Amino acid sequence: MKQIVVSVPEEKYDFLMELMKSMDFVTISDSIDIPEEHKSLVSHRKQTANFDSMHDWNDLKHQWKVQ
């Protein structure tokens, strides 16, 4: 079985979804399964993060002139 990812303009989304649902061989998944290992890693990083060393994104983007 092959999987694909499709990027669709917002105004065409409903049409495409109805078309895909009408095909009996298509399975539509709106969610992504995140492996437990990844969840555990993120949880560990959140618990051990040094919040005092972090910077506010709004301050940084102005400093770097990011829009």
Protein backbone atom coordinates (compact mmCIF):
# COMPACT_ATOMS: atom_id res chain seq x y z
CA MET A 1 0.00 0.00 0.00
CA LYS A 2 1.32 3.46 -0.89
CA GLN A 3 0.64 6.68 1.00
CA ILE A 4 0.56 10.19 -0.38
CA VAL A 5 0.45 13.69 1.01
CA VAL A 6 -1.49 16.25 -1.00
CA SER A 7 -1.42 20.03 -0.67
CA VAL A 8 -4.64 21.58 -1.92
CA PRO A 9 -5.85 25.18 -2.13
CA GLU A 10 -8.41 25.84 0.59
CA GLU A 11 -11.20 26.50 -1.91
CA LYS A 12 -10.67 23.07 -3.54
CA TYR A 13 -10.41 21.07 -0.31
CA ASP A 14 -14.10 20.15 0.08
CA PHE A 15 -14.36 19.02 -3.52
CA LEU A 16 -11.25 16.87 -3.28
CA MET A 17 -12.35 15.29 -0.01
CA GLU A 18 -15.75 14.37 -1.43
CA LEU A 19 -14.06 12.88 -4.48
CA MET A 20 -11.63 10.86 -2.35
CA LYS A 21 -14.40 9.61 -0.06
CA SER A 22 -16.30 8.31 -3.07
CA MET A 23 -13.46 5.91 -3.89
CA ASP A 24 -13.79 2.65 -1.97
CA PHE A 25 -10.04 1.95 -2.02
CA VAL A 26 -9.07 5.26 -0.38
CA THR A 27 -8.57 5.59 3.37
CA ILE A 28 -8.48 9.11 4.76
CA SER A 29 -6.57 9.83 7.94
CA ASP A 30 -6.77 13.29 9.50
CA SER A 31 -4.36 12.48 12.29
CA ILE A 32 -0.73 11.54 12.46
CA ASP A 33 0.44 8.79 14.78
CA ILE A 34 3.32 10.03 16.90
CA PRO A 35 5.58 7.25 18.21
CA GLU A 36 5.77 6.92 22.00
CA GLU A 37 9.54 7.35 21.77
CA HIS A 38 9.07 10.82 20.26
CA LYS A 39 6.46 11.78 22.85
CA SER A 40 8.80 10.66 25.61
CA LEU A 41 11.69 12.64 24.16
CA VAL A 42 9.63 15.83 23.94
CA SER A 43 8.34 15.33 27.47
CA HIS A 44 11.90 14.88 28.76
CA ARG A 45 13.09 18.00 26.95
CA LYS A 46 10.21 20.03 28.38
CA GLN A 47 11.03 18.83 31.90
CA THR A 48 14.74 19.59 31.59
CA ALA A 49 14.45 22.87 29.66
CA ASN A 50 16.23 25.90 31.11
CA PHE A 51 13.56 28.55 30.71
CA ASP A 52 15.90 31.26 32.01
CA SER A 53 18.10 30.88 28.94
CA MET A 54 15.19 31.21 26.48
CA HIS A 55 14.34 34.36 24.55
CA ASP A 56 11.02 35.78 23.44
CA TRP A 57 10.43 35.12 19.73
CA ASN A 58 8.92 38.58 19.15
CA ASP A 59 12.06 40.21 20.54
CA LEU A 60 14.34 38.02 18.44
CA LYS A 61 12.52 38.47 15.15
CA HIS A 62 12.70 42.26 15.54
CA GLN A 63 16.38 41.98 16.41
CA TRP A 64 16.98 39.84 13.33
CA LYS A 65 14.51 41.81 11.21
CA VAL A 66 12.44 38.71 10.40
CA GLN A 67 8.95 39.40 9.17
